Amino acid sequence: MNPEPKKKLPNKKVISSAKFEAKEQFTKSALENLKTENERLFNSLKKSGEIKESKKK
């Protein structure tokens, strides 16, 4: 039986960078979702009359 050749693993720096990128992407996505949800709730409350629009200066 021939042993399978060992695969070369990426170094820690590459792995850390990939993890950072994944976290950053997740954070950006979560932030976008929160902004969208906030706008939707705000518009819903405005339509129902729960809150009144204030004039911006």
C-alpha atoms as a PDB file:
ATOM      1  CA  MET A   1       0.000   0.000   0.000  1.00  0.00           C
ATOM      2  CA  ASN A   2       1.335   3.409  -0.935  1.00  0.00           C
ATOM      3  CA  PRO A   3       0.903   6.088   1.703  1.00  0.00           C
ATOM      4  CA  GLU A   4      -0.861   9.168   0.336  1.00  0.00           C
ATOM      5  CA  PRO A   5       1.391  12.183  -0.054  1.00  0.00           C
ATOM      6  CA  LYS A   6       0.972  14.709   2.714  1.00  0.00           C
ATOM      7  CA  LYS A   7      -0.804  17.866   1.694  1.00  0.00           C
ATOM      8  CA  LYS A   8       0.964  21.084   2.468  1.00  0.00           C
ATOM      9  CA  LEU A   9      -1.062  23.133   4.907  1.00  0.00           C
ATOM     10  CA  PRO A  10      -1.228  26.926   4.615  1.00  0.00           C
ATOM     11  CA  ASN A  11       0.780  28.857   7.146  1.00  0.00           C
ATOM     12  CA  LYS A  12      -0.839  30.534  10.151  1.00  0.00           C
ATOM     13  CA  LYS A  13      -0.609  33.990   8.604  1.00  0.00           C
ATOM     14  CA  VAL A  14      -2.749  32.919   5.631  1.00  0.00           C
ATOM     15  CA  ILE A  15      -5.256  31.174   7.880  1.00  0.00           C
ATOM     16  CA  SER A  16      -5.530  34.211  10.169  1.00  0.00           C
ATOM     17  CA  SER A  17      -5.992  36.487   7.183  1.00  0.00           C
ATOM     18  CA  ALA A  18      -8.781  34.304   5.806  1.00  0.00           C
ATOM     19  CA  LYS A  19     -10.501  34.215   9.199  1.00  0.00           C
ATOM     20  CA  PHE A  20     -10.238  37.991   9.453  1.00  0.00           C
ATOM     21  CA  GLU A  21     -11.713  38.403   5.964  1.00  0.00           C
ATOM     22  CA  ALA A  22     -14.596  36.083   6.828  1.00  0.00           C
ATOM     23  CA  LYS A  23     -15.330  37.970  10.054  1.00  0.00           C
ATOM     24  CA  GLU A  24     -15.164  41.295   8.228  1.00  0.00           C
ATOM     25  CA  GLN A  25     -17.566  40.080   5.532  1.00  0.00           C
ATOM     26  CA  PHE A  26     -19.949  38.761   8.180  1.00  0.00           C
ATOM     27  CA  THR A  27     -19.779  42.044  10.097  1.00  0.00           C
ATOM     28  CA  LYS A  28     -20.497  44.107   6.977  1.00  0.00           C
ATOM     29  CA  SER A  29     -23.401  41.850   6.056  1.00  0.00           C
ATOM     30  CA  ALA A  30     -24.838  41.988   9.568  1.00  0.00           C
ATOM     31  CA  LEU A  31     -24.523  45.778   9.610  1.00  0.00           C
ATOM     32  CA  GLU A  32     -26.326  46.078   6.273  1.00  0.00           C
ATOM     33  CA  ASN A  33     -29.107  43.812   7.556  1.00  0.00           C
ATOM     34  CA  LEU A  34     -29.465  45.912  10.709  1.00  0.00           C
ATOM     35  CA  LYS A  35     -29.633  49.149   8.701  1.00  0.00           C
ATOM     36  CA  THR A  36     -32.295  47.706   6.413  1.00  0.00           C
ATOM     37  CA  GLU A  37     -34.325  46.377   9.336  1.00  0.00           C
ATOM     38  CA  ASN A  38     -34.040  49.726  11.136  1.00  0.00           C
ATOM     39  CA  GLU A  39     -35.296  51.619   8.083  1.00  0.00           C
ATOM     40  CA  ARG A  40     -38.167  49.181   7.646  1.00  0.00           C
ATOM     41  CA  LEU A  41     -39.228  49.501  11.294  1.00  0.00           C
ATOM     42  CA  PHE A  42     -38.894  53.278  11.202  1.00  0.00           C
ATOM     43  CA  ASN A  43     -41.027  53.534   8.049  1.00  0.00           C
ATOM     44  CA  SER A  44     -43.618  51.201   9.550  1.00  0.00           C
ATOM     45  CA  LEU A  45     -43.841  53.323  12.699  1.00  0.00           C
ATOM     46  CA  LYS A  46     -44.151  56.508  10.623  1.00  0.00           C
ATOM     47  CA  LYS A  47     -46.992  55.005   8.571  1.00  0.00           C
ATOM     48  CA  SER A  48     -48.864  53.861  11.678  1.00  0.00           C
ATOM     49  CA  GLY A  49     -48.529  57.290  13.289  1.00  0.00           C
ATOM     50  CA  GLU A  50     -46.544  56.016  16.242  1.00  0.00           C
ATOM     51  CA  ILE A  51     -43.791  58.527  15.548  1.00  0.00           C
ATOM     52  CA  LYS A  52     -43.853  61.855  13.805  1.00  0.00           C
ATOM     53  CA  GLU A  53     -41.192  63.074  11.444  1.00  0.00           C
ATOM     54  CA  SER A  54     -39.071  65.848  12.838  1.00  0.00           C
ATOM     55  CA  LYS A  55     -37.773  68.516  10.529  1.00  0.00           C
ATOM     56  CA  LYS A  56     -34.033  68.355  10.010  1.00  0.00           C
ATOM     57  CA  LYS A  57     -32.085  71.575  10.423  1.00  0.00           C
END
